[in-house]
PDB file of N, CA and C in Angstrom:
ATOM      1  N   MET A   1     -11.587   9.519 -17.607  1.00  0.00           N
ATOM      2  CA  MET A   1     -10.380   8.888 -17.311  1.00  0.00           C
ATOM      3  C   MET A   1     -10.169   8.781 -15.816  1.00  0.00           C
ATOM      4  N   SER A   2      -9.681   7.640 -15.425  1.00  0.00           N
ATOM      5  CA  SER A   2      -9.438   7.307 -14.023  1.00  0.00           C
ATOM      6  C   SER A   2      -8.597   8.440 -13.424  1.00  0.00           C
ATOM      7  N   PRO A   3      -9.032   8.771 -12.270  1.00  0.00           N
ATOM      8  CA  PRO A   3      -8.195   9.860 -11.587  1.00  0.00           C
ATOM      9  C   PRO A   3      -6.675   9.228 -11.112  1.00  0.00           C
ATOM     10  N   LEU A   4      -6.612   8.063 -11.255  1.00  0.00           N
ATOM     11  CA  LEU A   4      -5.239   7.417 -10.985  1.00  0.00           C
ATOM     12  C   LEU A   4      -4.336   7.740 -12.133  1.00  0.00           C
ATOM     13  N   LEU A   5      -4.981   7.873 -13.325  1.00  0.00           N
ATOM     14  CA  LEU A   5      -3.990   8.075 -14.618  1.00  0.00           C
ATOM     15  C   LEU A   5      -3.933   9.577 -14.922  1.00  0.00           C
ATOM     16  N   ARG A   6      -4.733  10.450 -14.364  1.00  0.00           N
ATOM     17  CA  ARG A   6      -4.634  11.764 -14.776  1.00  0.00           C
ATOM     18  C   ARG A   6      -3.503  12.489 -13.927  1.00  0.00           C
ATOM     19  N   ARG A   7      -2.787  13.180 -14.724  1.00  0.00           N
ATOM     20  CA  ARG A   7      -1.605  13.889 -14.115  1.00  0.00           C
ATOM     21  C   ARG A   7      -1.976  15.238 -13.765  1.00  0.00           C
ATOM     22  N   THR A   8      -2.909  15.829 -14.322  1.00  0.00           N
ATOM     23  CA  THR A   8      -3.268  17.301 -14.163  1.00  0.00           C
ATOM     24  C   THR A   8      -4.725  17.414 -13.960  1.00  0.00           C
ATOM     25  N   ALA A   9      -5.200  18.459 -13.466  1.00  0.00           N
ATOM     26  CA  ALA A   9      -6.613  18.708 -13.265  1.00  0.00           C
ATOM     27  C   ALA A   9      -7.195  18.718 -14.595  1.00  0.00           C
ATOM     28  N   LYS A  10      -8.544  18.200 -14.750  1.00  0.00           N
ATOM     29  CA  LYS A  10      -9.309  18.101 -15.940  1.00  0.00           C
ATOM     30  C   LYS A  10      -9.685  19.548 -16.386  1.00  0.00           C
ATOM     31  N   ALA A  11      -9.407  19.859 -17.598  1.00  0.00           N
ATOM     32  CA  ALA A  11      -9.869  21.210 -18.084  1.00  0.00           C
ATOM     33  C   ALA A  11     -11.416  21.299 -18.025  1.00  0.00           C
ATOM     34  N   GLU A  12     -11.886  22.492 -17.758  1.00  0.00           N
ATOM     35  CA  GLU A  12     -13.338  22.732 -17.855  1.00  0.00           C
ATOM     36  C   GLU A  12     -13.621  23.216 -19.114  1.00  0.00           C
ATOM     37  N   PRO A  13     -14.926  22.978 -19.767  1.00  0.00           N
ATOM     38  CA  PRO A  13     -15.144  23.491 -20.903  1.00  0.00           C
ATOM     39  C   PRO A  13     -15.073  24.993 -20.989  1.00  0.00           C
ATOM     40  N   GLY A  14     -14.456  25.514 -22.019  1.00  0.00           N
ATOM     41  CA  GLY A  14     -14.313  26.932 -22.200  1.00  0.00           C
ATOM     42  C   GLY A  14     -12.951  27.476 -21.708  1.00  0.00           C
ATOM     43  N   ASP A  15     -12.027  26.514 -21.044  1.00  0.00           N
ATOM     44  CA  ASP A  15     -10.760  26.939 -20.578  1.00  0.00           C
ATOM     45  C   ASP A  15      -9.898  26.974 -21.788  1.00  0.00           C
ATOM     46  N   ALA A  16      -8.974  27.893 -21.713  1.00  0.00           N
ATOM     47  CA  ALA A  16      -8.075  28.067 -22.939  1.00  0.00           C
ATOM     48  C   ALA A  16      -6.903  27.015 -22.562  1.00  0.00           C
ATOM     49  N   PRO A  17      -6.344  26.409 -23.659  1.00  0.00           N
ATOM     50  CA  PRO A  17      -5.250  25.507 -23.374  1.00  0.00           C
ATOM     51  C   PRO A  17      -4.044  26.265 -22.694  1.00  0.00           C
ATOM     52  N   LYS A  18      -3.390  25.573 -21.829  1.00  0.00           N
ATOM     53  CA  LYS A  18      -2.337  26.236 -21.039  1.00  0.00           C
ATOM     54  C   LYS A  18      -1.086  26.092 -21.885  1.00  0.00           C
ATOM     55  N   LYS A  19      -0.269  27.159 -21.957  1.00  0.00           N
ATOM     56  CA  LYS A  19       1.001  27.154 -22.598  1.00  0.00           C
ATOM     57  C   LYS A  19       2.074  26.991 -21.731  1.00  0.00           C
ATOM     58  N   LYS A  20       3.243  26.464 -21.884  1.00  0.00           N
ATOM     59  CA  LYS A  20       4.305  26.454 -20.870  1.00  0.00           C
ATOM     60  C   LYS A  20       5.101  27.821 -21.252  1.00  0.00           C
ATOM     61  N   SER A  21       5.312  28.387 -20.168  1.00  0.00           N
ATOM     62  CA  SER A  21       6.159  29.681 -20.329  1.00  0.00           C
ATOM     63  C   SER A  21       7.523  29.315 -20.451  1.00  0.00           C
ATOM     64  N   LYS A  22       8.441  30.275 -20.764  1.00  0.00           N
ATOM     65  CA  LYS A  22       9.827  30.179 -20.928  1.00  0.00           C
ATOM     66  C   LYS A  22      10.390  29.819 -19.618  1.00  0.00           C
ATOM     67  N   GLU A  23       9.737  30.226 -18.456  1.00  0.00           N
ATOM     68  CA  GLU A  23      10.275  29.964 -17.152  1.00  0.00           C
ATOM     69  C   GLU A  23      10.210  28.539 -16.880  1.00  0.00           C
ATOM     70  N   SER A  24       8.969  27.930 -17.253  1.00  0.00           N
ATOM     71  CA  SER A  24       8.795  26.427 -16.870  1.00  0.00           C
ATOM     72  C   SER A  24       9.714  25.688 -17.873  1.00  0.00           C
ATOM     73  N   LYS A  25      10.053  26.050 -19.023  1.00  0.00           N
ATOM     74  CA  LYS A  25      10.929  25.286 -19.906  1.00  0.00           C
ATOM     75  C   LYS A  25      12.323  25.486 -19.301  1.00  0.00           C
ATOM     76  N   ASN A  26      12.771  26.495 -18.666  1.00  0.00           N
ATOM     77  CA  ASN A  26      14.120  26.626 -17.997  1.00  0.00           C
ATOM     78  C   ASN A  26      14.081  25.895 -16.917  1.00  0.00           C
ATOM     79  N   ALA A  27      13.117  25.578 -16.186  1.00  0.00           N
ATOM     80  CA  ALA A  27      13.077  24.740 -14.938  1.00  0.00           C
ATOM     81  C   ALA A  27      13.463  23.291 -15.277  1.00  0.00           C
ATOM     82  N   HIS A  28      13.484  22.876 -16.537  1.00  0.00           N
ATOM     83  CA  HIS A  28      13.748  21.566 -16.898  1.00  0.00           C
ATOM     84  C   HIS A  28      15.348  21.658 -17.421  1.00  0.00           C
ATOM     85  N   GLY A  29      16.128  22.180 -16.756  1.00  0.00           N
ATOM     86  CA  GLY A  29      17.526  22.341 -17.082  1.00  0.00           C
ATOM     87  C   GLY A  29      18.358  21.098 -16.809  1.00  0.00           C
ATOM     88  N   LYS A  30      19.651  21.312 -16.344  1.00  0.00           N
ATOM     89  CA  LYS A  30      20.452  20.375 -16.006  1.00  0.00           C
ATOM     90  C   LYS A  30      20.057  19.543 -14.999  1.00  0.00           C
ATOM     91  N   ALA A  31      20.542  18.264 -14.962  1.00  0.00           N
ATOM     92  CA  ALA A  31      20.162  17.310 -14.029  1.00  0.00           C
ATOM     93  C   ALA A  31      20.463  17.735 -12.586  1.00  0.00           C
ATOM     94  N   ASP A  32      21.586  18.363 -12.350  1.00  0.00           N
ATOM     95  CA  ASP A  32      22.047  18.815 -11.144  1.00  0.00           C
ATOM     96  C   ASP A  32      21.039  19.910 -10.483  1.00  0.00           C
ATOM     97  N   GLU A  33      20.256  20.476 -11.380  1.00  0.00           N
ATOM     98  CA  GLU A  33      19.254  21.518 -10.908  1.00  0.00           C
ATOM     99  C   GLU A  33      17.906  20.911 -10.642  1.00  0.00           C
ATOM    100  N   ARG A  34      17.695  19.561 -11.009  1.00  0.00           N
ATOM    101  CA  ARG A  34      16.498  18.970 -10.898  1.00  0.00           C
ATOM    102  C   ARG A  34      16.359  18.344  -9.370  1.00  0.00           C
ATOM    103  N   VAL A  35      14.963  18.325  -8.932  1.00  0.00           N
ATOM    104  CA  VAL A  35      14.802  17.666  -7.640  1.00  0.00           C
ATOM    105  C   VAL A  35      13.718  16.584  -7.919  1.00  0.00           C
ATOM    106  N   VAL A  36      14.058  15.345  -7.505  1.00  0.00           N
ATOM    107  CA  VAL A  36      13.263  14.224  -7.591  1.00  0.00           C
ATOM    108  C   VAL A  36      12.690  13.901  -6.176  1.00  0.00           C
ATOM    109  N   THR A  37      11.371  13.667  -6.083  1.00  0.00           N
ATOM    110  CA  THR A  37      10.723  13.478  -4.720  1.00  0.00           C
ATOM    111  C   THR A  37      10.175  12.186  -4.818  1.00  0.00           C
ATOM    112  N   LEU A  38      10.436  11.240  -3.953  1.00  0.00           N
ATOM    113  CA  LEU A  38       9.751   9.992  -3.884  1.00  0.00           C
ATOM    114  C   LEU A  38       8.655  10.032  -2.796  1.00  0.00           C
ATOM    115  N   LEU A  39       7.489   9.898  -3.015  1.00  0.00           N
ATOM    116  CA  LEU A  39       6.454   9.897  -2.105  1.00  0.00           C
ATOM    117  C   LEU A  39       6.203   8.416  -1.699  1.00  0.00           C
ATOM    118  N   SER A  40       6.391   8.039  -0.450  1.00  0.00           N
ATOM    119  CA  SER A  40       6.294   6.602  -0.067  1.00  0.00           C
ATOM    120  C   SER A  40       5.464   6.470   1.172  1.00  0.00           C
ATOM    121  N   LYS A  41       5.487   5.209   1.683  1.00  0.00           N
ATOM    122  CA  LYS A  41       4.971   5.033   3.168  1.00  0.00           C
ATOM    123  C   LYS A  41       5.569   3.821   3.586  1.00  0.00           C
ATOM    124  N   PRO A  42       5.653   3.650   5.020  1.00  0.00           N
ATOM    125  CA  PRO A  42       6.401   2.397   5.582  1.00  0.00           C
ATOM    126  C   PRO A  42       5.654   1.144   5.358  1.00  0.00           C
ATOM    127  N   GLY A  43       6.481   0.031   5.068  1.00  0.00           N
ATOM    128  CA  GLY A  43       5.940  -1.232   4.793  1.00  0.00           C
ATOM    129  C   GLY A  43       5.568  -1.452   3.442  1.00  0.00           C
ATOM    130  N   CYS A  44       5.939  -0.509   2.427  1.00  0.00           N
ATOM    131  CA  CYS A  44       5.466  -0.740   1.116  1.00  0.00           C
ATOM    132  C   CYS A  44       6.716  -1.200   0.180  1.00  0.00           C
ATOM    133  N   HIS A  45       6.531  -2.383  -0.217  1.00  0.00           N
ATOM    134  CA  HIS A  45       7.595  -3.208  -0.981  1.00  0.00           C
ATOM    135  C   HIS A  45       7.830  -2.452  -2.270  1.00  0.00           C
ATOM    136  N   LEU A  46       6.807  -1.934  -2.914  1.00  0.00           N
ATOM    137  CA  LEU A  46       7.075  -1.242  -4.194  1.00  0.00           C
ATOM    138  C   LEU A  46       7.915   0.071  -3.979  1.00  0.00           C
ATOM    139  N   CYS A  47       7.741   0.734  -2.598  1.00  0.00           N
ATOM    140  CA  CYS A  47       8.440   1.930  -2.299  1.00  0.00           C
ATOM    141  C   CYS A  47       9.893   1.482  -2.226  1.00  0.00           C
ATOM    142  N   ASP A  48      10.328   0.320  -1.575  1.00  0.00           N
ATOM    143  CA  ASP A  48      11.594  -0.042  -1.551  1.00  0.00           C
ATOM    144  C   ASP A  48      12.135  -0.279  -2.843  1.00  0.00           C
ATOM    145  N   ASP A  49      11.532  -0.797  -3.877  1.00  0.00           N
ATOM    146  CA  ASP A  49      12.165  -0.980  -5.258  1.00  0.00           C
ATOM    147  C   ASP A  49      12.376   0.436  -5.738  1.00  0.00           C
ATOM    148  N   ALA A  50      11.271   1.160  -5.708  1.00  0.00           N
ATOM    149  CA  ALA A  50      11.326   2.632  -6.316  1.00  0.00           C
ATOM    150  C   ALA A  50      12.559   3.405  -5.590  1.00  0.00           C
ATOM    151  N   ARG A  51      12.717   3.219  -4.459  1.00  0.00           N
ATOM    152  CA  ARG A  51      13.807   4.041  -3.669  1.00  0.00           C
ATOM    153  C   ARG A  51      15.186   3.647  -4.273  1.00  0.00           C
ATOM    154  N   ALA A  52      15.405   2.356  -4.680  1.00  0.00           N
ATOM    155  CA  ALA A  52      16.745   1.801  -5.168  1.00  0.00           C
ATOM    156  C   ALA A  52      16.824   2.348  -6.634  1.00  0.00           C
ATOM    157  N   VAL A  53      15.846   2.525  -7.383  1.00  0.00           N
ATOM    158  CA  VAL A  53      15.889   3.024  -8.759  1.00  0.00           C
ATOM    159  C   VAL A  53      16.170   4.424  -8.750  1.00  0.00           C
ATOM    160  N   VAL A  54      15.364   5.224  -7.866  1.00  0.00           N
ATOM    161  CA  VAL A  54      15.565   6.751  -7.761  1.00  0.00           C
ATOM    162  C   VAL A  54      16.974   7.009  -7.345  1.00  0.00           C
ATOM    163  N   ALA A  55      17.457   6.481  -6.232  1.00  0.00           N
ATOM    164  CA  ALA A  55      18.767   6.725  -5.830  1.00  0.00           C
ATOM    165  C   ALA A  55      19.890   6.500  -6.838  1.00  0.00           C
ATOM    166  N   ALA A  56      19.857   5.396  -7.531  1.00  0.00           N
ATOM    167  CA  ALA A  56      20.765   4.920  -8.511  1.00  0.00           C
ATOM    168  C   ALA A  56      20.702   5.968  -9.728  1.00  0.00           C
ATOM    169  N   VAL A  57      19.630   6.258 -10.251  1.00  0.00           N
ATOM    170  CA  VAL A  57      19.465   7.167 -11.230  1.00  0.00           C
ATOM    171  C   VAL A  57      19.931   8.564 -10.960  1.00  0.00           C
ATOM    172  N   CYS A  58      19.437   9.017  -9.751  1.00  0.00           N
ATOM    173  CA  CYS A  58      19.846  10.397  -9.397  1.00  0.00           C
ATOM    174  C   CYS A  58      21.287  10.513  -9.075  1.00  0.00           C
ATOM    175  N   ALA A  59      21.940   9.499  -8.736  1.00  0.00           N
ATOM    176  CA  ALA A  59      23.324   9.458  -8.413  1.00  0.00           C
ATOM    177  C   ALA A  59      24.093   9.513  -9.827  1.00  0.00           C
ATOM    178  N   GLU A  60      23.540   8.781 -10.783  1.00  0.00           N
ATOM    179  CA  GLU A  60      24.143   8.831 -12.030  1.00  0.00           C
ATOM    180  C   GLU A  60      24.068  10.239 -12.747  1.00  0.00           C
ATOM    181  N   ALA A  61      22.940  10.721 -12.636  1.00  0.00           N
ATOM    182  CA  ALA A  61      22.526  11.956 -13.305  1.00  0.00           C
ATOM    183  C   ALA A  61      23.089  13.225 -12.553  1.00  0.00           C
ATOM    184  N   GLY A  62      23.442  13.135 -11.139  1.00  0.00           N
ATOM    185  CA  GLY A  62      23.773  14.125 -10.385  1.00  0.00           C
ATOM    186  C   GLY A  62      22.644  14.995  -9.915  1.00  0.00           C
ATOM    187  N   ALA A  63      21.528  14.447  -9.899  1.00  0.00           N
ATOM    188  CA  ALA A  63      20.165  15.057  -9.454  1.00  0.00           C
ATOM    189  C   ALA A  63      20.133  14.948  -7.911  1.00  0.00           C
ATOM    190  N   SER A  64      19.463  15.813  -7.324  1.00  0.00           N
ATOM    191  CA  SER A  64      19.120  15.689  -5.856  1.00  0.00           C
ATOM    192  C   SER A  64      17.809  14.888  -5.839  1.00  0.00           C
ATOM    193  N   TRP A  65      17.599  14.170  -4.699  1.00  0.00           N
ATOM    194  CA  TRP A  65      16.342  13.532  -4.397  1.00  0.00           C
ATOM    195  C   TRP A  65      15.949  13.617  -2.971  1.00  0.00           C
ATOM    196  N   GLU A  66      14.793  13.514  -2.653  1.00  0.00           N
ATOM    197  CA  GLU A  66      14.212  13.458  -1.248  1.00  0.00           C
ATOM    198  C   GLU A  66      13.154  12.489  -1.263  1.00  0.00           C
ATOM    199  N   GLU A  67      12.838  11.956  -0.009  1.00  0.00           N
ATOM    200  CA  GLU A  67      11.698  11.051   0.223  1.00  0.00           C
ATOM    201  C   GLU A  67      10.702  11.551   1.106  1.00  0.00           C
ATOM    202  N   LYS A  68       9.448  11.592   0.957  1.00  0.00           N
ATOM    203  CA  LYS A  68       8.488  12.098   1.742  1.00  0.00           C
ATOM    204  C   LYS A  68       7.498  10.898   2.185  1.00  0.00           C
ATOM    205  N   ASP A  69       7.323  10.808   3.441  1.00  0.00           N
ATOM    206  CA  ASP A  69       6.379   9.742   3.960  1.00  0.00           C
ATOM    207  C   ASP A  69       4.802  10.227   3.976  1.00  0.00           C
ATOM    208  N   ILE A  70       4.050   9.817   3.164  1.00  0.00           N
ATOM    209  CA  ILE A  70       2.629  10.332   2.986  1.00  0.00           C
ATOM    210  C   ILE A  70       1.842  10.206   4.336  1.00  0.00           C
ATOM    211  N   THR A  71       2.191   9.242   5.292  1.00  0.00           N
ATOM    212  CA  THR A  71       1.472   9.154   6.496  1.00  0.00           C
ATOM    213  C   THR A  71       1.884  10.229   7.400  1.00  0.00           C
ATOM    214  N   GLN A  72       2.778  11.111   7.052  1.00  0.00           N
ATOM    215  CA  GLN A  72       3.070  12.228   7.847  1.00  0.00           C
ATOM    216  C   GLN A  72       2.619  13.435   7.442  1.00  0.00           C
ATOM    217  N   ASP A  73       1.850  13.454   6.271  1.00  0.00           N
ATOM    218  CA  ASP A  73       1.313  14.555   5.576  1.00  0.00           C
ATOM    219  C   ASP A  73       0.000  14.298   5.016  1.00  0.00           C
ATOM    220  N   GLU A  74      -1.091  14.981   5.730  1.00  0.00           N
ATOM    221  CA  GLU A  74      -2.473  14.643   5.242  1.00  0.00           C
ATOM    222  C   GLU A  74      -2.830  14.876   3.904  1.00  0.00           C
ATOM    223  N   ALA A  75      -2.381  15.996   3.438  1.00  0.00           N
ATOM    224  CA  ALA A  75      -2.631  16.548   2.030  1.00  0.00           C
ATOM    225  C   ALA A  75      -2.047  15.466   0.953  1.00  0.00           C
ATOM    226  N   LEU A  76      -0.744  15.111   1.331  1.00  0.00           N
ATOM    227  CA  LEU A  76      -0.165  14.087   0.414  1.00  0.00           C
ATOM    228  C   LEU A  76      -0.783  12.715   0.423  1.00  0.00           C
ATOM    229  N   TYR A  77      -1.243  12.412   1.822  1.00  0.00           N
ATOM    230  CA  TYR A  77      -1.983  11.119   1.801  1.00  0.00           C
ATOM    231  C   TYR A  77      -3.268  11.192   1.117  1.00  0.00           C
ATOM    232  N   ARG A  78      -4.122  12.147   1.255  1.00  0.00           N
ATOM    233  CA  ARG A  78      -5.428  12.189   0.440  1.00  0.00           C
ATOM    234  C   ARG A  78      -5.085  12.156  -1.034  1.00  0.00           C
ATOM    235  N   ALA A  79      -4.067  12.814  -1.616  1.00  0.00           N
ATOM    236  CA  ALA A  79      -3.733  12.981  -3.003  1.00  0.00           C
ATOM    237  C   ALA A  79      -3.228  11.677  -3.638  1.00  0.00           C
ATOM    238  N   TYR A  80      -2.406  11.026  -2.861  1.00  0.00           N
ATOM    239  CA  TYR A  80      -1.616   9.994  -3.491  1.00  0.00           C
ATOM    240  C   TYR A  80      -1.762   8.581  -2.773  1.00  0.00           C
ATOM    241  N   TRP A  81      -2.709   8.308  -1.770  1.00  0.00           N
ATOM    242  CA  TRP A  81      -2.656   7.004  -1.051  1.00  0.00           C
ATOM    243  C   TRP A  81      -2.842   5.853  -1.987  1.00  0.00           C
ATOM    244  N   GLU A  82      -3.505   5.876  -3.212  1.00  0.00           N
ATOM    245  CA  GLU A  82      -3.733   4.749  -4.013  1.00  0.00           C
ATOM    246  C   GLU A  82      -2.659   4.539  -5.007  1.00  0.00           C
ATOM    247  N   GLN A  83      -1.777   5.569  -5.043  1.00  0.00           N
ATOM    248  CA  GLN A  83      -0.780   5.429  -6.125  1.00  0.00           C
ATOM    249  C   GLN A  83       0.842   5.135  -5.623  1.00  0.00           C
ATOM    250  N   ILE A  84       0.889   5.010  -4.479  1.00  0.00           N
ATOM    251  CA  ILE A  84       2.208   4.907  -3.838  1.00  0.00           C
ATOM    252  C   ILE A  84       2.895   3.586  -4.416  1.00  0.00           C
ATOM    253  N   PRO A  85       4.235   3.864  -4.756  1.00  0.00           N
ATOM    254  CA  PRO A  85       4.998   4.913  -4.529  1.00  0.00           C
ATOM    255  C   PRO A  85       4.706   5.820  -5.920  1.00  0.00           C
ATOM    256  N   VAL A  86       4.913   7.184  -5.587  1.00  0.00           N
ATOM    257  CA  VAL A  86       4.879   8.248  -6.624  1.00  0.00           C
ATOM    258  C   VAL A  86       6.161   8.972  -6.728  1.00  0.00           C
ATOM    259  N   VAL A  87       6.620   9.186  -8.057  1.00  0.00           N
ATOM    260  CA  VAL A  87       7.914  10.007  -8.169  1.00  0.00           C
ATOM    261  C   VAL A  87       7.453  11.325  -8.777  1.00  0.00           C
ATOM    262  N   LEU A  88       7.904  12.366  -8.237  1.00  0.00           N
ATOM    263  CA  LEU A  88       7.767  13.689  -8.744  1.00  0.00           C
ATOM    264  C   LEU A  88       9.028  14.185  -9.296  1.00  0.00           C
ATOM    265  N   VAL A  89       8.985  14.951 -10.217  1.00  0.00           N
ATOM    266  CA  VAL A  89      10.320  15.596 -10.802  1.00  0.00           C
ATOM    267  C   VAL A  89       9.990  17.075 -10.879  1.00  0.00           C
ATOM    268  N   ASP A  90      10.722  17.833 -10.139  1.00  0.00           N
ATOM    269  CA  ASP A  90      10.423  19.288  -9.884  1.00  0.00           C
ATOM    270  C   ASP A  90       8.860  19.675  -9.518  1.00  0.00           C
ATOM    271  N   GLY A  91       8.442  18.731  -8.769  1.00  0.00           N
ATOM    272  CA  GLY A  91       7.018  18.943  -8.389  1.00  0.00           C
ATOM    273  C   GLY A  91       5.952  18.538  -9.163  1.00  0.00           C
ATOM    274  N   GLU A  92       6.251  17.871 -10.253  1.00  0.00           N
ATOM    275  CA  GLU A  92       5.209  17.380 -11.174  1.00  0.00           C
ATOM    276  C   GLU A  92       5.280  15.864 -11.159  1.00  0.00           C
ATOM    277  N   GLN A  93       4.222  15.203 -11.317  1.00  0.00           N
ATOM    278  CA  GLN A  93       3.968  13.846 -11.199  1.00  0.00           C
ATOM    279  C   GLN A  93       4.791  13.114 -12.402  1.00  0.00           C
ATOM    280  N   HIS A  94       5.697  12.368 -12.156  1.00  0.00           N
ATOM    281  CA  HIS A  94       6.456  11.618 -13.226  1.00  0.00           C
ATOM    282  C   HIS A  94       5.996  10.269 -13.507  1.00  0.00           C
ATOM    283  N   THR A  95       5.709   9.586 -12.455  1.00  0.00           N
ATOM    284  CA  THR A  95       5.240   8.095 -12.525  1.00  0.00           C
ATOM    285  C   THR A  95       4.618   7.615 -11.232  1.00  0.00           C
ATOM    286  N   PHE A  96       4.106   6.528 -11.192  1.00  0.00           N
ATOM    287  CA  PHE A  96       3.659   5.855  -9.998  1.00  0.00           C
ATOM    288  C   PHE A  96       3.784   4.281  -9.961  1.00  0.00           C
ATOM    289  N   TRP A  97       3.693   3.666  -8.968  1.00  0.00           N
ATOM    290  CA  TRP A  97       3.686   2.220  -8.858  1.00  0.00           C
ATOM    291  C   TRP A  97       5.093   1.693  -9.085  1.00  0.00           C
ATOM    292  N   ARG A  98       5.411   1.650 -10.366  1.00  0.00           N
ATOM    293  CA  ARG A  98       6.771   1.075 -10.752  1.00  0.00           C
ATOM    294  C   ARG A  98       7.585   2.262 -11.464  1.00  0.00           C
ATOM    295  N   VAL A  99       8.723   2.358 -11.133  1.00  0.00           N
ATOM    296  CA  VAL A  99       9.574   3.371 -11.741  1.00  0.00           C
ATOM    297  C   VAL A  99      10.542   2.785 -12.693  1.00  0.00           C
ATOM    298  N   ASP A 100      10.605   3.359 -13.845  1.00  0.00           N
ATOM    299  CA  ASP A 100      11.401   2.813 -14.993  1.00  0.00           C
ATOM    300  C   ASP A 100      12.514   3.662 -15.059  1.00  0.00           C
ATOM    301  N   ALA A 101      13.689   3.043 -14.784  1.00  0.00           N
ATOM    302  CA  ALA A 101      15.089   3.796 -14.605  1.00  0.00           C
ATOM    303  C   ALA A 101      15.287   4.548 -15.896  1.00  0.00           C
ATOM    304  N   ASP A 102      15.056   3.903 -17.086  1.00  0.00           N
ATOM    305  CA  ASP A 102      15.348   4.626 -18.401  1.00  0.00           C
ATOM    306  C   ASP A 102      14.561   5.726 -18.556  1.00  0.00           C
ATOM    307  N   ARG A 103      13.228   5.753 -18.177  1.00  0.00           N
ATOM    308  CA  ARG A 103      12.299   6.879 -18.420  1.00  0.00           C
ATOM    309  C   ARG A 103      12.699   7.965 -17.531  1.00  0.00           C
ATOM    310  N   LEU A 104      13.058   7.619 -16.252  1.00  0.00           N
ATOM    311  CA  LEU A 104      13.534   8.702 -15.379  1.00  0.00           C
ATOM    312  C   LEU A 104      14.971   9.335 -15.735  1.00  0.00           C
ATOM    313  N   ARG A 105      15.737   8.543 -16.239  1.00  0.00           N
ATOM    314  CA  ARG A 105      17.048   8.960 -16.600  1.00  0.00           C
ATOM    315  C   ARG A 105      16.872   9.972 -17.988  1.00  0.00           C
ATOM    316  N   GLN A 106      15.949   9.602 -18.725  1.00  0.00           N
ATOM    317  CA  GLN A 106      15.597  10.416 -19.870  1.00  0.00           C
ATOM    318  C   GLN A 106      14.862  11.961 -19.406  1.00  0.00           C
ATOM    319  N   GLU A 107      14.119  11.765 -18.251  1.00  0.00           N
ATOM    320  CA  GLU A 107      13.558  13.093 -17.818  1.00  0.00           C
ATOM    321  C   GLU A 107      14.587  13.861 -17.260  1.00  0.00           C
ATOM    322  N   LEU A 108      15.523  13.138 -16.700  1.00  0.00           N
ATOM    323  CA  LEU A 108      16.605  14.073 -15.919  1.00  0.00           C
ATOM    324  C   LEU A 108      17.828  14.554 -16.966  1.00  0.00           C
ATOM    325  N   GLY A 109      17.588  14.129 -18.302  1.00  0.00           N
ATOM    326  CA  GLY A 109      18.518  14.632 -19.267  1.00  0.00           C
ATOM    327  C   GLY A 109      19.691  13.672 -19.396  1.00  0.00           C
ATOM    328  N   GLY A 110      19.616  12.606 -18.945  1.00  0.00           N
ATOM    329  CA  GLY A 110      20.746  11.734 -19.127  1.00  0.00           C
ATOM    330  C   GLY A 110      20.302  10.577 -20.113  1.00  0.00           C
TER     331      GLY A 110
END
């Protein structure tokens, strides 16, 4: 599978499947407790589109959001430079390139 489409690290042979703990289930609570992070870079027209969608959906859902410029963070740049813009919800990758407002709204519980 392309690394662009992989959301999590590939399991090694012999690794036990990971189960979500009750704590991680609780992390996906109310929208006002969720944090959406938009990873972007200057001059990116897709980032402008994503910013508008994220801002509108988060305002509707009452969720907070932040934007991080990957050109200011070497680790983020190495991890995401081919996928910009990237949307993270509570630190987990939700989508990249195009942001679907309905899908993000559903993820935030709206």
